[in-house]
């Protein structure tokens, strides 16, 4: 079993969304963008997904070697994870199975924890 956790300030994500035109497209899939942009406080939801992607990358052991858009956070109310591309290939290489993800946020912080079960478990 592999575990990853991440904590991020929502304001940091809000600033990235406002200051860097390509941040949304570089880090989030079209479906993630549609979900977050439909919310009253989009930055809060982007931050949760950003933390989720970081937690998954840490749990898989690929850290910054993954491509942001290759880890997609899907589903409601229980978030799920869809991997594609090199990140999916890495997950298969390291024997990763099902990925469980939990995300939460307050007014100021977003956090996520990912648990990756071994394949076949």
N, C-alpha and C. Protein backbone atom coordinates (compact mmCIF):
# COMPACT_ATOMS: atom_id res chain seq x y z
N UNK A 1 0.85 -1.17 0.00
CA UNK A 1 0.00 0.00 0.00
C UNK A 1 0.89 1.23 0.00
N UNK A 2 0.50 2.22 -0.80
CA UNK A 2 1.24 3.48 -0.90
C UNK A 2 0.31 4.61 -0.52
N UNK A 3 0.85 5.61 0.19
CA UNK A 3 0.04 6.74 0.65
C UNK A 3 0.71 8.04 0.25
N UNK A 4 -0.10 9.00 -0.19
CA UNK A 4 0.38 10.35 -0.51
C UNK A 4 -0.57 11.36 0.08
N UNK A 5 -0.04 12.49 0.52
CA UNK A 5 -0.86 13.54 1.11
C UNK A 5 -0.36 14.89 0.60
N UNK A 6 -1.27 15.86 0.48
CA UNK A 6 -0.88 17.20 0.09
C UNK A 6 -1.82 18.22 0.73
N UNK A 7 -1.26 19.38 1.01
CA UNK A 7 -1.98 20.51 1.61
C UNK A 7 -1.57 21.75 0.85
N UNK A 8 -2.54 22.57 0.44
CA UNK A 8 -2.22 23.78 -0.31
C UNK A 8 -3.12 24.93 0.11
N UNK A 9 -2.57 26.14 0.04
CA UNK A 9 -3.35 27.34 0.35
C UNK A 9 -4.23 27.68 -0.86
N UNK A 10 -5.50 27.86 -0.63
CA UNK A 10 -6.44 28.17 -1.71
C UNK A 10 -6.06 29.49 -2.37
N UNK A 11 -5.59 30.45 -1.59
CA UNK A 11 -5.20 31.74 -2.15
C UNK A 11 -4.08 31.60 -3.18
N UNK A 12 -3.17 30.68 -2.95
CA UNK A 12 -2.09 30.45 -3.90
C UNK A 12 -2.63 29.99 -5.25
N UNK A 13 -3.63 29.11 -5.22
CA UNK A 13 -4.26 28.65 -6.46
C UNK A 13 -5.07 29.77 -7.09
N UNK A 14 -5.78 30.56 -6.28
CA UNK A 14 -6.54 31.70 -6.80
C UNK A 14 -5.61 32.65 -7.56
N UNK A 15 -4.46 32.94 -6.98
CA UNK A 15 -3.50 33.83 -7.63
C UNK A 15 -2.96 33.23 -8.92
N UNK A 16 -2.68 31.94 -8.92
CA UNK A 16 -2.20 31.28 -10.13
C UNK A 16 -3.25 31.35 -11.24
N UNK A 17 -4.51 31.17 -10.88
CA UNK A 17 -5.60 31.24 -11.87
C UNK A 17 -5.70 32.64 -12.45
N UNK A 18 -5.50 33.66 -11.61
CA UNK A 18 -5.64 35.05 -12.05
C UNK A 18 -4.42 35.55 -12.83
N UNK A 19 -3.24 35.11 -12.44
CA UNK A 19 -2.00 35.68 -12.98
C UNK A 19 -1.41 34.92 -14.16
N UNK A 20 -1.69 33.64 -14.25
CA UNK A 20 -1.05 32.81 -15.27
C UNK A 20 -2.11 32.22 -16.20
N UNK A 21 -2.17 32.78 -17.38
CA UNK A 21 -3.23 32.42 -18.32
C UNK A 21 -3.29 30.92 -18.61
N UNK A 22 -2.16 30.24 -18.70
CA UNK A 22 -2.15 28.84 -19.07
C UNK A 22 -2.26 27.86 -17.92
N UNK A 23 -2.34 28.36 -16.68
CA UNK A 23 -2.36 27.47 -15.51
C UNK A 23 -3.51 26.47 -15.58
N UNK A 24 -4.72 26.96 -15.85
CA UNK A 24 -5.91 26.11 -15.92
C UNK A 24 -5.71 24.98 -16.94
N UNK A 25 -5.30 25.36 -18.15
CA UNK A 25 -5.17 24.38 -19.23
C UNK A 25 -4.00 23.44 -19.00
N UNK A 26 -2.93 23.91 -18.38
CA UNK A 26 -1.74 23.08 -18.16
C UNK A 26 -1.99 22.01 -17.09
N UNK A 27 -2.79 22.35 -16.08
CA UNK A 27 -2.92 21.48 -14.91
C UNK A 27 -4.23 20.70 -14.84
N UNK A 28 -5.26 21.13 -15.55
CA UNK A 28 -6.58 20.53 -15.38
C UNK A 28 -7.21 20.14 -16.71
N UNK A 29 -7.90 19.01 -16.71
CA UNK A 29 -8.60 18.57 -17.92
C UNK A 29 -9.81 19.46 -18.16
N UNK A 30 -10.38 19.36 -19.34
CA UNK A 30 -11.57 20.15 -19.67
C UNK A 30 -12.72 19.85 -18.71
N UNK A 31 -12.89 18.58 -18.36
CA UNK A 31 -13.96 18.20 -17.44
C UNK A 31 -13.72 18.80 -16.05
N UNK A 32 -12.48 18.79 -15.59
CA UNK A 32 -12.17 19.39 -14.28
C UNK A 32 -12.43 20.89 -14.31
N UNK A 33 -12.05 21.54 -15.40
CA UNK A 33 -12.28 22.97 -15.53
C UNK A 33 -13.78 23.30 -15.51
N UNK A 34 -14.56 22.52 -16.25
CA UNK A 34 -16.01 22.75 -16.30
C UNK A 34 -16.61 22.60 -14.91
N UNK A 35 -16.19 21.56 -14.18
CA UNK A 35 -16.70 21.34 -12.83
C UNK A 35 -16.35 22.51 -11.91
N UNK A 36 -15.08 22.87 -11.87
CA UNK A 36 -14.63 23.93 -10.95
C UNK A 36 -15.22 25.28 -11.31
N UNK A 37 -15.24 25.61 -12.60
CA UNK A 37 -15.74 26.92 -13.03
C UNK A 37 -17.23 27.08 -12.79
N UNK A 38 -17.97 25.98 -12.62
CA UNK A 38 -19.41 26.05 -12.36
C UNK A 38 -19.72 26.30 -10.89
N UNK A 39 -18.71 26.29 -10.03
CA UNK A 39 -18.90 26.46 -8.59
C UNK A 39 -18.82 27.94 -8.20
N UNK A 40 -19.50 28.34 -7.09
CA UNK A 40 -19.45 29.72 -6.65
C UNK A 40 -18.03 30.20 -6.29
N UNK A 41 -17.18 29.30 -5.81
CA UNK A 41 -15.80 29.65 -5.45
C UNK A 41 -14.86 28.68 -6.19
N UNK A 42 -14.63 28.92 -7.49
CA UNK A 42 -13.85 27.98 -8.28
C UNK A 42 -12.46 27.68 -7.70
N UNK A 43 -11.78 28.66 -7.16
CA UNK A 43 -10.42 28.44 -6.65
C UNK A 43 -10.38 27.36 -5.58
N UNK A 44 -11.42 27.29 -4.76
CA UNK A 44 -11.50 26.29 -3.71
C UNK A 44 -11.50 24.88 -4.31
N UNK A 45 -12.21 24.70 -5.39
CA UNK A 45 -12.33 23.40 -6.03
C UNK A 45 -11.09 23.06 -6.87
N UNK A 46 -10.53 24.07 -7.51
CA UNK A 46 -9.26 23.85 -8.21
C UNK A 46 -8.18 23.45 -7.21
N UNK A 47 -8.15 24.10 -6.06
CA UNK A 47 -7.14 23.78 -5.04
C UNK A 47 -7.30 22.34 -4.55
N UNK A 48 -8.53 21.90 -4.34
CA UNK A 48 -8.76 20.53 -3.92
C UNK A 48 -8.25 19.53 -4.94
N UNK A 49 -8.52 19.81 -6.22
CA UNK A 49 -8.06 18.92 -7.27
C UNK A 49 -6.54 18.97 -7.43
N UNK A 50 -5.97 20.15 -7.26
CA UNK A 50 -4.51 20.28 -7.32
C UNK A 50 -3.87 19.43 -6.22
N UNK A 51 -4.41 19.56 -5.01
CA UNK A 51 -3.90 18.76 -3.89
C UNK A 51 -4.11 17.27 -4.16
N UNK A 52 -5.24 16.91 -4.76
CA UNK A 52 -5.51 15.51 -5.10
C UNK A 52 -4.49 14.96 -6.08
N UNK A 53 -4.16 15.73 -7.10
CA UNK A 53 -3.18 15.30 -8.08
C UNK A 53 -1.80 15.13 -7.44
N UNK A 54 -1.43 16.08 -6.58
CA UNK A 54 -0.15 15.99 -5.86
C UNK A 54 -0.11 14.74 -4.99
N UNK A 55 -1.20 14.49 -4.26
CA UNK A 55 -1.25 13.32 -3.37
C UNK A 55 -1.13 12.02 -4.17
N UNK A 56 -1.81 11.95 -5.31
CA UNK A 56 -1.73 10.76 -6.15
C UNK A 56 -0.30 10.57 -6.68
N UNK A 57 0.31 11.66 -7.15
CA UNK A 57 1.68 11.57 -7.65
C UNK A 57 2.64 11.10 -6.58
N UNK A 58 2.46 11.58 -5.36
CA UNK A 58 3.31 11.16 -4.25
C UNK A 58 3.08 9.69 -3.91
N UNK A 59 1.83 9.27 -3.90
CA UNK A 59 1.52 7.88 -3.58
C UNK A 59 2.07 6.92 -4.63
N UNK A 60 2.05 7.35 -5.88
CA UNK A 60 2.58 6.51 -6.95
C UNK A 60 4.10 6.52 -6.98
N UNK A 61 4.68 7.50 -6.31
CA UNK A 61 6.14 7.58 -6.29
C UNK A 61 6.74 8.22 -7.53
N UNK A 62 5.90 8.92 -8.30
CA UNK A 62 6.43 9.57 -9.51
C UNK A 62 6.62 11.07 -9.31
N UNK A 63 6.16 11.59 -8.18
CA UNK A 63 6.40 13.00 -7.85
C UNK A 63 6.13 13.93 -9.00
N UNK A 64 7.10 14.79 -9.28
CA UNK A 64 6.92 15.80 -10.33
C UNK A 64 7.11 15.24 -11.73
N UNK A 65 7.35 13.94 -11.86
CA UNK A 65 7.56 13.36 -13.17
C UNK A 65 6.25 13.11 -13.93
N UNK A 66 5.13 13.30 -13.27
CA UNK A 66 3.86 13.07 -13.96
C UNK A 66 3.40 14.35 -14.65
N UNK A 67 2.52 14.19 -15.60
CA UNK A 67 1.90 15.33 -16.27
C UNK A 67 0.58 15.61 -15.57
N UNK A 68 0.36 16.85 -15.21
CA UNK A 68 -0.83 17.24 -14.43
C UNK A 68 -2.11 16.70 -15.02
N UNK A 69 -2.28 16.83 -16.31
CA UNK A 69 -3.54 16.43 -16.94
C UNK A 69 -3.67 14.91 -17.06
N UNK A 70 -2.63 14.17 -16.77
CA UNK A 70 -2.70 12.71 -16.82
C UNK A 70 -3.27 12.11 -15.53
N UNK A 71 -3.48 12.94 -14.55
CA UNK A 71 -4.18 12.54 -13.31
C UNK A 71 -5.45 13.37 -13.27
N UNK A 72 -6.58 12.73 -13.54
CA UNK A 72 -7.86 13.45 -13.56
C UNK A 72 -8.68 13.04 -12.35
N UNK A 73 -9.21 14.05 -11.65
CA UNK A 73 -10.08 13.81 -10.51
C UNK A 73 -11.52 13.84 -11.03
N UNK A 74 -12.25 12.76 -10.83
CA UNK A 74 -13.61 12.63 -11.37
C UNK A 74 -14.58 12.25 -10.25
N UNK A 75 -15.87 12.43 -10.54
CA UNK A 75 -16.92 11.90 -9.68
C UNK A 75 -17.32 12.78 -8.52
N UNK A 76 -18.54 12.53 -8.08
CA UNK A 76 -19.12 13.18 -6.92
C UNK A 76 -20.09 12.21 -6.29
N UNK A 77 -20.31 12.19 -5.03
CA UNK A 77 -19.61 12.97 -4.01
C UNK A 77 -18.25 12.39 -3.67
N UNK A 78 -18.01 11.12 -3.98
CA UNK A 78 -16.73 10.48 -3.68
C UNK A 78 -15.82 10.65 -4.89
N UNK A 79 -14.70 11.36 -4.73
CA UNK A 79 -13.83 11.55 -5.88
C UNK A 79 -13.12 10.27 -6.29
N UNK A 80 -12.91 10.14 -7.57
CA UNK A 80 -12.15 9.03 -8.11
C UNK A 80 -11.00 9.57 -8.93
N UNK A 81 -10.16 8.68 -9.40
CA UNK A 81 -8.97 9.06 -10.14
C UNK A 81 -8.91 8.28 -11.44
N UNK A 82 -8.64 8.98 -12.54
CA UNK A 82 -8.41 8.35 -13.84
C UNK A 82 -7.00 8.74 -14.28
N UNK A 83 -6.19 7.73 -14.57
CA UNK A 83 -4.83 7.96 -15.05
C UNK A 83 -4.75 7.71 -16.54
N UNK A 84 -3.91 8.48 -17.23
CA UNK A 84 -3.66 8.29 -18.65
C UNK A 84 -2.17 8.49 -18.93
N UNK A 85 -1.78 8.20 -20.14
CA UNK A 85 -0.44 8.51 -20.62
C UNK A 85 0.68 7.88 -19.82
N UNK A 86 1.76 8.65 -19.66
CA UNK A 86 2.94 8.17 -18.95
C UNK A 86 2.65 7.85 -17.49
N UNK A 87 1.71 8.58 -16.90
CA UNK A 87 1.38 8.32 -15.50
C UNK A 87 0.71 6.96 -15.35
N UNK A 88 -0.16 6.61 -16.28
CA UNK A 88 -0.78 5.29 -16.26
C UNK A 88 0.29 4.21 -16.45
N UNK A 89 1.19 4.43 -17.39
CA UNK A 89 2.26 3.46 -17.63
C UNK A 89 3.13 3.30 -16.38
N UNK A 90 3.42 4.40 -15.70
CA UNK A 90 4.21 4.33 -14.47
C UNK A 90 3.46 3.52 -13.41
N UNK A 91 2.17 3.81 -13.25
CA UNK A 91 1.36 3.10 -12.25
C UNK A 91 1.38 1.59 -12.51
N UNK A 92 1.27 1.21 -13.76
CA UNK A 92 1.31 -0.21 -14.11
C UNK A 92 2.69 -0.80 -13.81
N UNK A 93 3.73 -0.04 -14.11
CA UNK A 93 5.10 -0.50 -13.88
C UNK A 93 5.38 -0.75 -12.40
N UNK A 94 4.84 0.10 -11.52
CA UNK A 94 5.10 -0.06 -10.08
C UNK A 94 4.06 -0.95 -9.40
N UNK A 95 3.15 -1.57 -10.17
CA UNK A 95 2.18 -2.49 -9.61
C UNK A 95 1.05 -1.83 -8.84
N UNK A 96 0.69 -0.62 -9.25
CA UNK A 96 -0.40 0.08 -8.58
C UNK A 96 -1.75 -0.48 -9.01
N UNK A 97 -2.65 -0.62 -8.05
CA UNK A 97 -4.01 -1.05 -8.32
C UNK A 97 -4.96 0.12 -8.12
N UNK A 98 -6.04 -0.15 -7.43
CA UNK A 98 -7.07 0.87 -7.19
C UNK A 98 -6.51 2.04 -6.39
N UNK A 99 -6.98 3.24 -6.72
CA UNK A 99 -6.57 4.45 -6.02
C UNK A 99 -7.78 5.03 -5.30
N UNK A 100 -7.67 5.15 -3.99
CA UNK A 100 -8.70 5.81 -3.19
C UNK A 100 -8.23 7.23 -2.91
N UNK A 101 -9.15 8.19 -2.99
CA UNK A 101 -8.80 9.60 -2.80
C UNK A 101 -9.83 10.26 -1.91
N UNK A 102 -9.34 11.05 -0.97
CA UNK A 102 -10.21 11.87 -0.14
C UNK A 102 -9.68 13.30 -0.18
N UNK A 103 -10.60 14.25 -0.39
CA UNK A 103 -10.23 15.67 -0.44
C UNK A 103 -11.10 16.45 0.53
N UNK A 104 -10.56 17.54 1.04
CA UNK A 104 -11.32 18.42 1.93
C UNK A 104 -10.78 19.83 1.80
N UNK A 105 -11.56 20.80 2.25
CA UNK A 105 -11.07 22.18 2.26
C UNK A 105 -11.76 22.98 3.35
N UNK A 106 -11.05 24.02 3.78
CA UNK A 106 -11.61 25.02 4.67
C UNK A 106 -11.66 26.31 3.86
N UNK A 107 -11.82 27.44 4.50
CA UNK A 107 -11.79 28.70 3.76
C UNK A 107 -10.42 28.99 3.19
N UNK A 108 -9.38 28.52 3.85
CA UNK A 108 -8.02 28.89 3.48
C UNK A 108 -7.18 27.75 2.89
N UNK A 109 -7.50 26.52 3.23
CA UNK A 109 -6.65 25.39 2.84
C UNK A 109 -7.45 24.28 2.15
N UNK A 110 -6.77 23.58 1.26
CA UNK A 110 -7.32 22.37 0.65
C UNK A 110 -6.32 21.25 0.90
N UNK A 111 -6.85 20.07 1.17
CA UNK A 111 -6.00 18.92 1.46
C UNK A 111 -6.54 17.69 0.75
N UNK A 112 -5.62 16.76 0.50
CA UNK A 112 -6.02 15.49 -0.10
C UNK A 112 -5.09 14.40 0.38
N UNK A 113 -5.65 13.20 0.46
CA UNK A 113 -4.86 12.01 0.76
C UNK A 113 -5.25 10.94 -0.25
N UNK A 114 -4.22 10.28 -0.78
CA UNK A 114 -4.43 9.20 -1.75
C UNK A 114 -3.84 7.92 -1.21
N UNK A 115 -4.57 6.83 -1.38
CA UNK A 115 -4.10 5.51 -1.01
C UNK A 115 -4.13 4.66 -2.27
N UNK A 116 -2.97 4.11 -2.61
CA UNK A 116 -2.86 3.25 -3.79
C UNK A 116 -2.68 1.82 -3.31
N UNK A 117 -3.64 0.98 -3.68
CA UNK A 117 -3.56 -0.43 -3.31
C UNK A 117 -2.70 -1.17 -4.34
N UNK A 118 -2.08 -2.25 -3.92
CA UNK A 118 -1.32 -3.06 -4.88
C UNK A 118 -2.27 -3.68 -5.90
N UNK A 119 -1.80 -3.85 -7.13
CA UNK A 119 -2.60 -4.49 -8.16
C UNK A 119 -3.02 -5.88 -7.69
N UNK A 120 -4.27 -6.23 -7.95
CA UNK A 120 -4.78 -7.54 -7.57
C UNK A 120 -5.24 -7.66 -6.13
N UNK A 121 -5.14 -6.57 -5.37
CA UNK A 121 -5.56 -6.62 -3.96
C UNK A 121 -7.06 -6.52 -3.82
